Every structure is written in C-alpha cells, then in structure tokens.
PDB file of N, CA and C in Angstrom:
ATOM      1  N   UNK A   1     -29.216  43.557 -12.367  1.00  0.00           N
ATOM      2  CA  UNK A   1     -29.460  44.001 -11.011  1.00  0.00           C
ATOM      3  C   UNK A   1     -28.171  44.587 -10.463  1.00  0.00           C
ATOM      4  N   UNK A   2     -28.192  45.779 -10.042  1.00  0.00           N
ATOM      5  CA  UNK A   2     -27.000  46.445  -9.518  1.00  0.00           C
ATOM      6  C   UNK A   2     -26.960  46.296  -8.009  1.00  0.00           C
ATOM      7  N   UNK A   3     -25.772  46.116  -7.509  1.00  0.00           N
ATOM      8  CA  UNK A   3     -25.604  45.952  -6.072  1.00  0.00           C
ATOM      9  C   UNK A   3     -25.493  47.333  -5.433  1.00  0.00           C
ATOM     10  N   UNK A   4     -26.392  47.565  -4.524  1.00  0.00           N
ATOM     11  CA  UNK A   4     -26.380  48.851  -3.832  1.00  0.00           C
ATOM     12  C   UNK A   4     -25.347  48.794  -2.713  1.00  0.00           C
ATOM     13  N   UNK A   5     -24.603  49.856  -2.524  1.00  0.00           N
ATOM     14  CA  UNK A   5     -23.626  49.842  -1.433  1.00  0.00           C
ATOM     15  C   UNK A   5     -24.336  49.692  -0.092  1.00  0.00           C
ATOM     16  N   UNK A   6     -23.722  48.900   0.772  1.00  0.00           N
ATOM     17  CA  UNK A   6     -24.310  48.640   2.078  1.00  0.00           C
ATOM     18  C   UNK A   6     -23.603  49.503   3.105  1.00  0.00           C
ATOM     19  N   UNK A   7     -24.390  50.214   3.855  1.00  0.00           N
ATOM     20  CA  UNK A   7     -23.807  51.029   4.928  1.00  0.00           C
ATOM     21  C   UNK A   7     -23.760  50.209   6.192  1.00  0.00           C
ATOM     22  N   UNK A   8     -22.625  50.222   6.835  1.00  0.00           N
ATOM     23  CA  UNK A   8     -22.484  49.491   8.091  1.00  0.00           C
ATOM     24  C   UNK A   8     -22.559  50.473   9.239  1.00  0.00           C
ATOM     25  N   UNK A   9     -23.335  50.060  10.185  1.00  0.00           N
ATOM     26  CA  UNK A   9     -23.417  50.904  11.382  1.00  0.00           C
ATOM     27  C   UNK A   9     -22.324  50.479  12.334  1.00  0.00           C
ATOM     28  N   UNK A  10     -21.867  51.348  13.119  1.00  0.00           N
ATOM     29  CA  UNK A  10     -20.900  50.983  14.145  1.00  0.00           C
ATOM     30  C   UNK A  10     -21.635  50.191  15.213  1.00  0.00           C
ATOM     31  N   UNK A  11     -21.020  49.093  15.666  1.00  0.00           N
ATOM     32  CA  UNK A  11     -21.710  48.276  16.658  1.00  0.00           C
ATOM     33  C   UNK A  11     -21.855  49.030  17.975  1.00  0.00           C
ATOM     34  N   UNK A  12     -22.864  48.681  18.725  1.00  0.00           N
ATOM     35  CA  UNK A  12     -23.058  49.352  20.008  1.00  0.00           C
ATOM     36  C   UNK A  12     -21.906  49.040  20.964  1.00  0.00           C
ATOM     37  N   UNK A  13     -21.743  49.882  21.950  1.00  0.00           N
ATOM     38  CA  UNK A  13     -20.652  49.762  22.910  1.00  0.00           C
ATOM     39  C   UNK A  13     -20.703  48.424  23.646  1.00  0.00           C
ATOM     40  N   UNK A  14     -21.852  47.935  23.977  1.00  0.00           N
ATOM     41  CA  UNK A  14     -21.999  46.673  24.699  1.00  0.00           C
ATOM     42  C   UNK A  14     -21.481  45.492  23.881  1.00  0.00           C
ATOM     43  N   UNK A  15     -21.689  45.557  22.567  1.00  0.00           N
ATOM     44  CA  UNK A  15     -21.227  44.488  21.688  1.00  0.00           C
ATOM     45  C   UNK A  15     -19.702  44.413  21.713  1.00  0.00           C
ATOM     46  N   UNK A  16     -19.058  45.575  21.599  1.00  0.00           N
ATOM     47  CA  UNK A  16     -17.597  45.592  21.619  1.00  0.00           C
ATOM     48  C   UNK A  16     -17.052  45.094  22.956  1.00  0.00           C
ATOM     49  N   UNK A  17     -17.723  45.438  24.062  1.00  0.00           N
ATOM     50  CA  UNK A  17     -17.285  44.952  25.383  1.00  0.00           C
ATOM     51  C   UNK A  17     -17.431  43.433  25.456  1.00  0.00           C
ATOM     52  N   UNK A  18     -18.518  42.905  24.901  1.00  0.00           N
ATOM     53  CA  UNK A  18     -18.742  41.461  24.940  1.00  0.00           C
ATOM     54  C   UNK A  18     -17.671  40.720  24.124  1.00  0.00           C
ATOM     55  N   UNK A  19     -17.336  41.239  22.955  1.00  0.00           N
ATOM     56  CA  UNK A  19     -16.301  40.607  22.123  1.00  0.00           C
ATOM     57  C   UNK A  19     -14.954  40.635  22.837  1.00  0.00           C
ATOM     58  N   UNK A  20     -14.616  41.743  23.438  1.00  0.00           N
ATOM     59  CA  UNK A  20     -13.339  41.850  24.147  1.00  0.00           C
ATOM     60  C   UNK A  20     -13.290  40.902  25.342  1.00  0.00           C
ATOM     61  N   UNK A  21     -14.411  40.773  26.057  1.00  0.00           N
ATOM     62  CA  UNK A  21     -14.462  39.849  27.198  1.00  0.00           C
ATOM     63  C   UNK A  21     -14.303  38.404  26.710  1.00  0.00           C
ATOM     64  N   UNK A  22     -14.895  38.100  25.583  1.00  0.00           N
ATOM     65  CA  UNK A  22     -14.784  36.740  25.028  1.00  0.00           C
ATOM     66  C   UNK A  22     -13.331  36.445  24.647  1.00  0.00           C
ATOM     67  N   UNK A  23     -12.663  37.387  24.022  1.00  0.00           N
ATOM     68  CA  UNK A  23     -11.263  37.184  23.638  1.00  0.00           C
ATOM     69  C   UNK A  23     -10.376  36.958  24.856  1.00  0.00           C
ATOM     70  N   UNK A  24     -10.647  37.669  25.927  1.00  0.00           N
ATOM     71  CA  UNK A  24      -9.836  37.508  27.124  1.00  0.00           C
ATOM     72  C   UNK A  24     -10.133  36.188  27.828  1.00  0.00           C
ATOM     73  N   UNK A  25     -11.373  35.720  27.726  1.00  0.00           N
ATOM     74  CA  UNK A  25     -11.757  34.490  28.406  1.00  0.00           C
ATOM     75  C   UNK A  25     -11.430  33.256  27.575  1.00  0.00           C
ATOM     76  N   UNK A  26     -11.076  33.413  26.312  1.00  0.00           N
ATOM     77  CA  UNK A  26     -10.779  32.264  25.454  1.00  0.00           C
ATOM     78  C   UNK A  26      -9.595  31.497  26.025  1.00  0.00           C
ATOM     79  N   UNK A  27      -9.631  30.180  25.871  1.00  0.00           N
ATOM     80  CA  UNK A  27      -8.567  29.344  26.409  1.00  0.00           C
ATOM     81  C   UNK A  27      -7.249  29.681  25.735  1.00  0.00           C
ATOM     82  N   UNK A  28      -6.192  29.656  26.480  1.00  0.00           N
ATOM     83  CA  UNK A  28      -4.884  29.913  25.868  1.00  0.00           C
ATOM     84  C   UNK A  28      -4.502  28.756  24.943  1.00  0.00           C
ATOM     85  N   UNK A  29      -3.623  29.010  24.057  1.00  0.00           N
ATOM     86  CA  UNK A  29      -3.167  28.002  23.106  1.00  0.00           C
ATOM     87  C   UNK A  29      -2.521  26.842  23.856  1.00  0.00           C
ATOM     88  N   UNK A  30      -2.760  25.644  23.359  1.00  0.00           N
ATOM     89  CA  UNK A  30      -2.187  24.451  23.992  1.00  0.00           C
ATOM     90  C   UNK A  30      -0.759  24.190  23.519  1.00  0.00           C
ATOM     91  N   UNK A  31      -0.279  24.999  22.607  1.00  0.00           N
ATOM     92  CA  UNK A  31       1.067  24.802  22.081  1.00  0.00           C
ATOM     93  C   UNK A  31       2.092  25.402  23.036  1.00  0.00           C
ATOM     94  N   UNK A  32       2.256  24.766  24.154  1.00  0.00           N
ATOM     95  CA  UNK A  32       3.237  25.189  25.147  1.00  0.00           C
ATOM     96  C   UNK A  32       4.612  24.752  24.643  1.00  0.00           C
ATOM     97  N   UNK A  33       5.609  25.618  24.745  1.00  0.00           N
ATOM     98  CA  UNK A  33       6.938  25.245  24.230  1.00  0.00           C
ATOM     99  C   UNK A  33       7.471  23.943  24.822  1.00  0.00           C
ATOM    100  N   UNK A  34       7.223  23.677  26.047  1.00  0.00           N
ATOM    101  CA  UNK A  34       7.699  22.435  26.668  1.00  0.00           C
ATOM    102  C   UNK A  34       7.065  21.203  26.037  1.00  0.00           C
ATOM    103  N   UNK A  35       5.790  21.309  25.707  1.00  0.00           N
ATOM    104  CA  UNK A  35       5.105  20.181  25.073  1.00  0.00           C
ATOM    105  C   UNK A  35       5.670  19.952  23.681  1.00  0.00           C
ATOM    106  N   UNK A  36       5.891  21.034  22.940  1.00  0.00           N
ATOM    107  CA  UNK A  36       6.434  20.897  21.586  1.00  0.00           C
ATOM    108  C   UNK A  36       7.812  20.245  21.625  1.00  0.00           C
ATOM    109  N   UNK A  37       8.645  20.617  22.583  1.00  0.00           N
ATOM    110  CA  UNK A  37       9.974  20.018  22.713  1.00  0.00           C
ATOM    111  C   UNK A  37       9.875  18.542  23.066  1.00  0.00           C
ATOM    112  N   UNK A  38       8.948  18.195  23.949  1.00  0.00           N
ATOM    113  CA  UNK A  38       8.776  16.791  24.333  1.00  0.00           C
ATOM    114  C   UNK A  38       8.323  15.959  23.131  1.00  0.00           C
ATOM    115  N   UNK A  39       7.446  16.520  22.319  1.00  0.00           N
ATOM    116  CA  UNK A  39       6.984  15.802  21.122  1.00  0.00           C
ATOM    117  C   UNK A  39       8.148  15.596  20.162  1.00  0.00           C
ATOM    118  N   UNK A  40       8.989  16.608  19.977  1.00  0.00           N
ATOM    119  CA  UNK A  40      10.145  16.469  19.092  1.00  0.00           C
ATOM    120  C   UNK A  40      11.110  15.407  19.607  1.00  0.00           C
ATOM    121  N   UNK A  41      11.356  15.390  20.920  1.00  0.00           N
ATOM    122  CA  UNK A  41      12.247  14.368  21.491  1.00  0.00           C
ATOM    123  C   UNK A  41      11.649  12.972  21.292  1.00  0.00           C
ATOM    124  N   UNK A  42      10.363  12.839  21.540  1.00  0.00           N
ATOM    125  CA  UNK A  42       9.706  11.542  21.386  1.00  0.00           C
ATOM    126  C   UNK A  42       9.765  11.078  19.933  1.00  0.00           C
ATOM    127  N   UNK A  43       9.561  11.985  19.006  1.00  0.00           N
ATOM    128  CA  UNK A  43       9.622  11.635  17.587  1.00  0.00           C
ATOM    129  C   UNK A  43      11.027  11.168  17.215  1.00  0.00           C
ATOM    130  N   UNK A  44      12.046  11.855  17.708  1.00  0.00           N
ATOM    131  CA  UNK A  44      13.427  11.461  17.420  1.00  0.00           C
ATOM    132  C   UNK A  44      13.724  10.075  17.971  1.00  0.00           C
ATOM    133  N   UNK A  45      13.261   9.784  19.183  1.00  0.00           N
ATOM    134  CA  UNK A  45      13.479   8.466  19.781  1.00  0.00           C
ATOM    135  C   UNK A  45      12.759   7.388  18.975  1.00  0.00           C
ATOM    136  N   UNK A  46      11.533   7.661  18.556  1.00  0.00           N
ATOM    137  CA  UNK A  46      10.774   6.676  17.775  1.00  0.00           C
ATOM    138  C   UNK A  46      11.455   6.401  16.428  1.00  0.00           C
ATOM    139  N   UNK A  47      12.001   7.436  15.806  1.00  0.00           N
ATOM    140  CA  UNK A  47      12.706   7.238  14.537  1.00  0.00           C
ATOM    141  C   UNK A  47      13.960   6.410  14.742  1.00  0.00           C
ATOM    142  N   UNK A  48      14.679   6.668  15.840  1.00  0.00           N
ATOM    143  CA  UNK A  48      15.884   5.889  16.124  1.00  0.00           C
ATOM    144  C   UNK A  48      15.535   4.420  16.371  1.00  0.00           C
ATOM    145  N   UNK A  49      14.478   4.170  17.116  1.00  0.00           N
ATOM    146  CA  UNK A  49      14.041   2.790  17.351  1.00  0.00           C
ATOM    147  C   UNK A  49      13.610   2.128  16.053  1.00  0.00           C
ATOM    148  N   UNK A  50      12.943   2.865  15.208  1.00  0.00           N
ATOM    149  CA  UNK A  50      12.502   2.327  13.927  1.00  0.00           C
ATOM    150  C   UNK A  50      13.693   1.965  13.043  1.00  0.00           C
ATOM    151  N   UNK A  51      14.710   2.828  13.031  1.00  0.00           N
ATOM    152  CA  UNK A  51      15.914   2.533  12.241  1.00  0.00           C
ATOM    153  C   UNK A  51      16.629   1.296  12.773  1.00  0.00           C
ATOM    154  N   UNK A  52      16.617   1.129  14.093  1.00  0.00           N
ATOM    155  CA  UNK A  52      17.263  -0.038  14.680  1.00  0.00           C
ATOM    156  C   UNK A  52      16.457  -1.308  14.403  1.00  0.00           C
ATOM    157  N   UNK A  53      15.139  -1.206  14.450  1.00  0.00           N
ATOM    158  CA  UNK A  53      14.291  -2.377  14.230  1.00  0.00           C
ATOM    159  C   UNK A  53      14.226  -2.763  12.759  1.00  0.00           C
ATOM    160  N   UNK A  54      14.247  -1.782  11.869  1.00  0.00           N
ATOM    161  CA  UNK A  54      14.135  -2.031  10.433  1.00  0.00           C
ATOM    162  C   UNK A  54      15.314  -1.377   9.706  1.00  0.00           C
ATOM    163  N   UNK A  55      16.502  -1.964   9.846  1.00  0.00           N
ATOM    164  CA  UNK A  55      17.677  -1.341   9.221  1.00  0.00           C
ATOM    165  C   UNK A  55      17.588  -1.425   7.698  1.00  0.00           C
ATOM    166  N   UNK A  56      18.107  -0.400   7.063  1.00  0.00           N
ATOM    167  CA  UNK A  56      18.177  -0.390   5.610  1.00  0.00           C
ATOM    168  C   UNK A  56      19.592  -0.728   5.201  1.00  0.00           C
ATOM    169  N   UNK A  57      19.740  -1.450   4.091  1.00  0.00           N
ATOM    170  CA  UNK A  57      21.098  -1.761   3.640  1.00  0.00           C
ATOM    171  C   UNK A  57      21.808  -0.467   3.256  1.00  0.00           C
ATOM    172  N   UNK A  58      23.076  -0.398   3.630  1.00  0.00           N
ATOM    173  CA  UNK A  58      23.827   0.830   3.374  1.00  0.00           C
ATOM    174  C   UNK A  58      24.117   1.020   1.888  1.00  0.00           C
ATOM    175  N   UNK A  59      24.666  -0.001   1.271  1.00  0.00           N
ATOM    176  CA  UNK A  59      25.061   0.114  -0.133  1.00  0.00           C
ATOM    177  C   UNK A  59      24.539  -1.097  -0.881  1.00  0.00           C
ATOM    178  N   UNK A  60      23.924  -0.847  -2.025  1.00  0.00           N
ATOM    179  CA  UNK A  60      23.456  -1.926  -2.879  1.00  0.00           C
ATOM    180  C   UNK A  60      24.265  -1.858  -4.164  1.00  0.00           C
ATOM    181  N   UNK A  61      24.984  -2.935  -4.513  1.00  0.00           N
ATOM    182  CA  UNK A  61      25.758  -2.918  -5.754  1.00  0.00           C
ATOM    183  C   UNK A  61      24.845  -2.694  -6.964  1.00  0.00           C
ATOM    184  N   UNK A  62      25.397  -2.113  -8.007  1.00  0.00           N
ATOM    185  CA  UNK A  62      24.608  -1.790  -9.198  1.00  0.00           C
ATOM    186  C   UNK A  62      24.089  -3.024  -9.921  1.00  0.00           C
ATOM    187  N   UNK A  63      24.833  -4.129  -9.873  1.00  0.00           N
ATOM    188  CA  UNK A  63      24.426  -5.314 -10.621  1.00  0.00           C
ATOM    189  C   UNK A  63      23.421  -6.186  -9.868  1.00  0.00           C
ATOM    190  N   UNK A  64      23.069  -5.831  -8.643  1.00  0.00           N
ATOM    191  CA  UNK A  64      22.116  -6.611  -7.855  1.00  0.00           C
ATOM    192  C   UNK A  64      20.734  -5.975  -8.000  1.00  0.00           C
ATOM    193  N   UNK A  65      19.748  -6.816  -8.289  1.00  0.00           N
ATOM    194  CA  UNK A  65      18.392  -6.287  -8.410  1.00  0.00           C
ATOM    195  C   UNK A  65      17.827  -6.019  -7.022  1.00  0.00           C
ATOM    196  N   UNK A  66      16.929  -5.094  -6.960  1.00  0.00           N
ATOM    197  CA  UNK A  66      16.285  -4.757  -5.691  1.00  0.00           C
ATOM    198  C   UNK A  66      15.423  -5.930  -5.251  1.00  0.00           C
ATOM    199  N   UNK A  67      15.184  -6.092  -3.946  1.00  0.00           N
ATOM    200  CA  UNK A  67      14.377  -7.218  -3.459  1.00  0.00           C
ATOM    201  C   UNK A  67      13.005  -7.293  -4.116  1.00  0.00           C
ATOM    202  N   UNK A  68      12.389  -6.153  -4.383  1.00  0.00           N
ATOM    203  CA  UNK A  68      11.057  -6.192  -4.999  1.00  0.00           C
ATOM    204  C   UNK A  68      11.149  -6.735  -6.416  1.00  0.00           C
ATOM    205  N   UNK A  69      12.225  -6.398  -7.118  1.00  0.00           N
ATOM    206  CA  UNK A  69      12.410  -6.910  -8.476  1.00  0.00           C
ATOM    207  C   UNK A  69      12.667  -8.419  -8.450  1.00  0.00           C
ATOM    208  N   UNK A  70      13.425  -8.881  -7.459  1.00  0.00           N
ATOM    209  CA  UNK A  70      13.666 -10.316  -7.332  1.00  0.00           C
ATOM    210  C   UNK A  70      12.345 -11.057  -7.112  1.00  0.00           C
ATOM    211  N   UNK A  71      11.497 -10.497  -6.257  1.00  0.00           N
ATOM    212  CA  UNK A  71      10.203 -11.124  -5.988  1.00  0.00           C
ATOM    213  C   UNK A  71       9.338 -11.130  -7.244  1.00  0.00           C
ATOM    214  N   UNK A  72       9.355 -10.030  -7.982  1.00  0.00           N
ATOM    215  CA  UNK A  72       8.566  -9.975  -9.221  1.00  0.00           C
ATOM    216  C   UNK A  72       9.061 -10.997 -10.236  1.00  0.00           C
ATOM    217  N   UNK A  73      10.382 -11.116 -10.376  1.00  0.00           N
ATOM    218  CA  UNK A  73      10.930 -12.096 -11.314  1.00  0.00           C
ATOM    219  C   UNK A  73      10.526 -13.516 -10.911  1.00  0.00           C
ATOM    220  N   UNK A  74      10.625 -13.818  -9.635  1.00  0.00           N
ATOM    221  CA  UNK A  74      10.245 -15.149  -9.162  1.00  0.00           C
ATOM    222  C   UNK A  74       8.763 -15.417  -9.411  1.00  0.00           C
ATOM    223  N   UNK A  75       7.928 -14.409  -9.152  1.00  0.00           N
ATOM    224  CA  UNK A  75       6.489 -14.561  -9.381  1.00  0.00           C
ATOM    225  C   UNK A  75       6.200 -14.794 -10.861  1.00  0.00           C
ATOM    226  N   UNK A  76       6.922 -14.077 -11.730  1.00  0.00           N
ATOM    227  CA  UNK A  76       6.734 -14.277 -13.179  1.00  0.00           C
ATOM    228  C   UNK A  76       7.160 -15.681 -13.588  1.00  0.00           C
ATOM    229  N   UNK A  77       8.285 -16.166 -13.022  1.00  0.00           N
ATOM    230  CA  UNK A  77       8.731 -17.528 -13.336  1.00  0.00           C
ATOM    231  C   UNK A  77       7.685 -18.561 -12.905  1.00  0.00           C
ATOM    232  N   UNK A  78       7.161 -18.379 -11.704  1.00  0.00           N
ATOM    233  CA  UNK A  78       6.145 -19.317 -11.219  1.00  0.00           C
ATOM    234  C   UNK A  78       4.887 -19.277 -12.079  1.00  0.00           C
ATOM    235  N   UNK A  79       4.480 -18.068 -12.463  1.00  0.00           N
ATOM    236  CA  UNK A  79       3.286 -17.932 -13.306  1.00  0.00           C
ATOM    237  C   UNK A  79       3.514 -18.586 -14.661  1.00  0.00           C
ATOM    238  N   UNK A  80       4.696 -18.413 -15.227  1.00  0.00           N
ATOM    239  CA  UNK A  80       5.004 -19.026 -16.520  1.00  0.00           C
ATOM    240  C   UNK A  80       5.013 -20.548 -16.408  1.00  0.00           C
ATOM    241  N   UNK A  81       5.577 -21.078 -15.327  1.00  0.00           N
ATOM    242  CA  UNK A  81       5.596 -22.528 -15.131  1.00  0.00           C
ATOM    243  C   UNK A  81       4.180 -23.069 -14.957  1.00  0.00           C
ATOM    244  N   UNK A  82       3.347 -22.362 -14.214  1.00  0.00           N
ATOM    245  CA  UNK A  82       1.959 -22.789 -14.009  1.00  0.00           C
ATOM    246  C   UNK A  82       1.200 -22.758 -15.326  1.00  0.00           C
ATOM    247  N   UNK A  83       1.409 -21.701 -16.105  1.00  0.00           N
ATOM    248  CA  UNK A  83       0.729 -21.590 -17.394  1.00  0.00           C
ATOM    249  C   UNK A  83       1.156 -22.708 -18.334  1.00  0.00           C
ATOM    250  N   UNK A  84       2.460 -23.009 -18.377  1.00  0.00           N
ATOM    251  CA  UNK A  84       2.953 -24.082 -19.234  1.00  0.00           C
ATOM    252  C   UNK A  84       2.360 -25.428 -18.814  1.00  0.00           C
ATOM    253  N   UNK A  85       2.296 -25.676 -17.516  1.00  0.00           N
ATOM    254  CA  UNK A  85       1.718 -26.935 -17.033  1.00  0.00           C
ATOM    255  C   UNK A  85       0.238 -27.022 -17.388  1.00  0.00           C
ATOM    256  N   UNK A  86      -0.480 -25.919 -17.271  1.00  0.00           N
ATOM    257  CA  UNK A  86      -1.905 -25.918 -17.615  1.00  0.00           C
ATOM    258  C   UNK A  86      -2.108 -26.167 -19.103  1.00  0.00           C
ATOM    259  N   UNK A  87      -1.267 -25.574 -19.929  1.00  0.00           N
ATOM    260  CA  UNK A  87      -1.372 -25.805 -21.365  1.00  0.00           C
ATOM    261  C   UNK A  87      -1.076 -27.259 -21.711  1.00  0.00           C
ATOM    262  N   UNK A  88      -0.038 -27.839 -21.081  1.00  0.00           N
ATOM    263  CA  UNK A  88       0.264 -29.257 -21.330  1.00  0.00           C
ATOM    264  C   UNK A  88      -0.897 -30.142 -20.923  1.00  0.00           C
ATOM    265  N   UNK A  89      -1.484 -29.860 -19.786  1.00  0.00           N
ATOM    266  CA  UNK A  89      -2.610 -30.674 -19.310  1.00  0.00           C
ATOM    267  C   UNK A  89      -3.813 -30.531 -20.228  1.00  0.00           C
ATOM    268  N   UNK A  90      -4.100 -29.299 -20.664  1.00  0.00           N
ATOM    269  CA  UNK A  90      -5.244 -29.087 -21.558  1.00  0.00           C
ATOM    270  C   UNK A  90      -5.035 -29.815 -22.878  1.00  0.00           C
ATOM    271  N   UNK A  91      -3.825 -29.740 -23.409  1.00  0.00           N
ATOM    272  CA  UNK A  91      -3.544 -30.451 -24.665  1.00  0.00           C
ATOM    273  C   UNK A  91      -3.685 -31.955 -24.479  1.00  0.00           C
ATOM    274  N   UNK A  92      -3.184 -32.448 -23.345  1.00  0.00           N
ATOM    275  CA  UNK A  92      -3.280 -33.888 -23.078  1.00  0.00           C
ATOM    276  C   UNK A  92      -4.733 -34.322 -22.936  1.00  0.00           C
ATOM    277  N   UNK A  93      -5.532 -33.520 -22.244  1.00  0.00           N
ATOM    278  CA  UNK A  93      -6.948 -33.862 -22.090  1.00  0.00           C
ATOM    279  C   UNK A  93      -7.667 -33.836 -23.431  1.00  0.00           C
ATOM    280  N   UNK A  94      -7.346 -32.855 -24.259  1.00  0.00           N
ATOM    281  CA  UNK A  94      -7.970 -32.759 -25.585  1.00  0.00           C
ATOM    282  C   UNK A  94      -7.579 -33.969 -26.437  1.00  0.00           C
ATOM    283  N   UNK A  95      -6.307 -34.328 -26.374  1.00  0.00           N
ATOM    284  CA  UNK A  95      -5.846 -35.485 -27.137  1.00  0.00           C
ATOM    285  C   UNK A  95      -6.498 -36.762 -26.625  1.00  0.00           C
ATOM    286  N   UNK A  96      -6.694 -36.868 -25.318  1.00  0.00           N
ATOM    287  CA  UNK A  96      -7.321 -38.064 -24.743  1.00  0.00           C
ATOM    288  C   UNK A  96      -8.777 -38.164 -25.180  1.00  0.00           C
ATOM    289  N   UNK A  97      -9.468 -37.027 -25.235  1.00  0.00           N
ATOM    290  CA  UNK A  97     -10.867 -37.048 -25.674  1.00  0.00           C
ATOM    291  C   UNK A  97     -10.978 -37.472 -27.128  1.00  0.00           C
ATOM    292  N   UNK A  98     -10.017 -37.116 -27.935  1.00  0.00           N
ATOM    293  CA  UNK A  98     -10.047 -37.466 -29.355  1.00  0.00           C
ATOM    294  C   UNK A  98      -9.495 -38.865 -29.595  1.00  0.00           C
ATOM    295  N   UNK A  99      -9.025 -39.506 -28.546  1.00  0.00           N
ATOM    296  CA  UNK A  99      -8.492 -40.851 -28.677  1.00  0.00           C
ATOM    297  C   UNK A  99      -7.116 -40.887 -29.295  1.00  0.00           C
ATOM    298  N   UNK A 100      -6.413 -39.764 -29.248  1.00  0.00           N
ATOM    299  CA  UNK A 100      -5.095 -39.698 -29.861  1.00  0.00           C
ATOM    300  C   UNK A 100      -3.991 -39.711 -28.817  1.00  0.00           C
ATOM    301  N   UNK A 101      -4.301 -40.104 -27.621  1.00  0.00           N
ATOM    302  CA  UNK A 101      -3.285 -40.049 -26.561  1.00  0.00           C
ATOM    303  C   UNK A 101      -2.239 -41.112 -26.806  1.00  0.00           C
ATOM    304  N   UNK A 102      -1.024 -40.690 -26.840  1.00  0.00           N
ATOM    305  CA  UNK A 102       0.087 -41.617 -27.011  1.00  0.00           C
ATOM    306  C   UNK A 102       0.730 -41.833 -25.657  1.00  0.00           C
ATOM    307  N   UNK A 103       1.447 -42.932 -25.534  1.00  0.00           N
ATOM    308  CA  UNK A 103       2.166 -43.138 -24.278  1.00  0.00           C
ATOM    309  C   UNK A 103       3.255 -42.089 -24.162  1.00  0.00           C
ATOM    310  N   UNK A 104       3.701 -41.878 -22.985  1.00  0.00           N
ATOM    311  CA  UNK A 104       4.719 -40.866 -22.739  1.00  0.00           C
ATOM    312  C   UNK A 104       4.151 -39.785 -21.847  1.00  0.00           C
ATOM    313  N   UNK A 105       4.692 -38.596 -21.959  1.00  0.00           N
ATOM    314  CA  UNK A 105       4.307 -37.508 -21.075  1.00  0.00           C
ATOM    315  C   UNK A 105       2.847 -37.138 -21.277  1.00  0.00           C
ATOM    316  N   UNK A 106       2.411 -37.013 -22.521  1.00  0.00           N
ATOM    317  CA  UNK A 106       1.033 -36.600 -22.772  1.00  0.00           C
ATOM    318  C   UNK A 106       0.070 -37.676 -22.295  1.00  0.00           C
ATOM    319  N   UNK A 107       0.378 -38.935 -22.560  1.00  0.00           N
ATOM    320  CA  UNK A 107      -0.499 -40.016 -22.119  1.00  0.00           C
ATOM    321  C   UNK A 107      -0.608 -40.075 -20.602  1.00  0.00           C
ATOM    322  N   UNK A 108       0.492 -39.894 -19.902  1.00  0.00           N
ATOM    323  CA  UNK A 108       0.480 -39.902 -18.437  1.00  0.00           C
ATOM    324  C   UNK A 108      -0.331 -38.735 -17.902  1.00  0.00           C
ATOM    325  N   UNK A 109      -0.178 -37.544 -18.507  1.00  0.00           N
ATOM    326  CA  UNK A 109      -0.925 -36.376 -18.043  1.00  0.00           C
ATOM    327  C   UNK A 109      -2.413 -36.574 -18.291  1.00  0.00           C
ATOM    328  N   UNK A 110      -2.767 -37.181 -19.413  1.00  0.00           N
ATOM    329  CA  UNK A 110      -4.176 -37.414 -19.716  1.00  0.00           C
ATOM    330  C   UNK A 110      -4.771 -38.403 -18.726  1.00  0.00           C
ATOM    331  N   UNK A 111      -4.034 -39.492 -18.425  1.00  0.00           N
ATOM    332  CA  UNK A 111      -4.545 -40.454 -17.456  1.00  0.00           C
ATOM    333  C   UNK A 111      -4.679 -39.820 -16.071  1.00  0.00           C
ATOM    334  N   UNK A 112      -3.693 -39.026 -15.686  1.00  0.00           N
ATOM    335  CA  UNK A 112      -3.748 -38.361 -14.371  1.00  0.00           C
ATOM    336  C   UNK A 112      -4.947 -37.409 -14.308  1.00  0.00           C
ATOM    337  N   UNK A 113      -5.257 -36.721 -15.393  1.00  0.00           N
ATOM    338  CA  UNK A 113      -6.375 -35.783 -15.358  1.00  0.00           C
ATOM    339  C   UNK A 113      -7.697 -36.531 -15.251  1.00  0.00           C
ATOM    340  N   UNK A 114      -7.810 -37.712 -15.845  1.00  0.00           N
ATOM    341  CA  UNK A 114      -9.028 -38.493 -15.715  1.00  0.00           C
ATOM    342  C   UNK A 114      -9.211 -38.976 -14.293  1.00  0.00           C
ATOM    343  N   UNK A 115      -8.113 -39.190 -13.589  1.00  0.00           N
ATOM    344  CA  UNK A 115      -8.184 -39.662 -12.216  1.00  0.00           C
ATOM    345  C   UNK A 115      -8.358 -38.500 -11.229  1.00  0.00           C
ATOM    346  N   UNK A 116      -8.290 -37.266 -11.728  1.00  0.00           N
ATOM    347  CA  UNK A 116      -8.464 -36.115 -10.857  1.00  0.00           C
ATOM    348  C   UNK A 116      -7.199 -35.660 -10.163  1.00  0.00           C
ATOM    349  N   UNK A 117      -6.065 -36.206 -10.605  1.00  0.00           N
ATOM    350  CA  UNK A 117      -4.799 -35.799 -10.019  1.00  0.00           C
ATOM    351  C   UNK A 117      -4.142 -34.761 -10.907  1.00  0.00           C
ATOM    352  N   UNK A 118      -3.390 -33.884 -10.299  1.00  0.00           N
ATOM    353  CA  UNK A 118      -2.647 -32.896 -11.073  1.00  0.00           C
ATOM    354  C   UNK A 118      -1.163 -33.108 -10.986  1.00  0.00           C
ATOM    355  N   UNK A 119      -0.712 -33.920 -10.047  1.00  0.00           N
ATOM    356  CA  UNK A 119       0.713 -34.149  -9.916  1.00  0.00           C
ATOM    357  C   UNK A 119       0.974 -35.596  -9.585  1.00  0.00           C
TER     358      UNK A 119
END
C-alpha cells in the first residue's frame, strides 16, 4: 500500500485569529526570577542546616573501617555465635535422645533444653 501525499489546506482566517487570541490569553509563566532566587536561597539554607544537624567526619584514617563495615562485622560475629550455640544445643539434644549425654557442657545443655531454657 503506497502512501498518497496529503495536501494541506491553509486554515481559515478565523482559525488563525482564534489561535493567536489563545496564545495571548495564556497564563504567563510562573517562573518569575524573584521566585527562582528565593527557592535557591531557601535550598542553600536547608543544606546548611542539614550539614549542621548531620555533620560528616572530615578525615577518616585509612586503617579505620567505615561505620557500616563495623556494623557488618559485628552482625557477622553475632550470627556466628548464634549459629555455634544452636549447633551445640542440637548436638546436645541429639546426644540426650540417644542416651549418650555425659556430664559437663553437653549434659547441661541437654538438661536445659528439656526444661525449655536456652540460657
């Protein structure tokens, strides 16, 4: 299917007058220079207040880990300790069920688990 060229007619005079009247009646832009300057001043003040409220450390030594890394390391340590305690308790409970619980740490953990205590 071939596209036939479309002929455009010139719009009537009344149409052009209506478009021109609409352009003249359109609201002016709200971007008044005074408003833009006030917004810039307000933004600068808010940034200054933010810097004062939430100061950033100026210099961090190379050998010091970032706070987020410290938190991650601590979380990993806690998770490892929890996992180790859970494994000890599971082993103690398994040994208690098999009747192989010996006195000492495993025996105490097995007795505590039967009583419903974890610590």
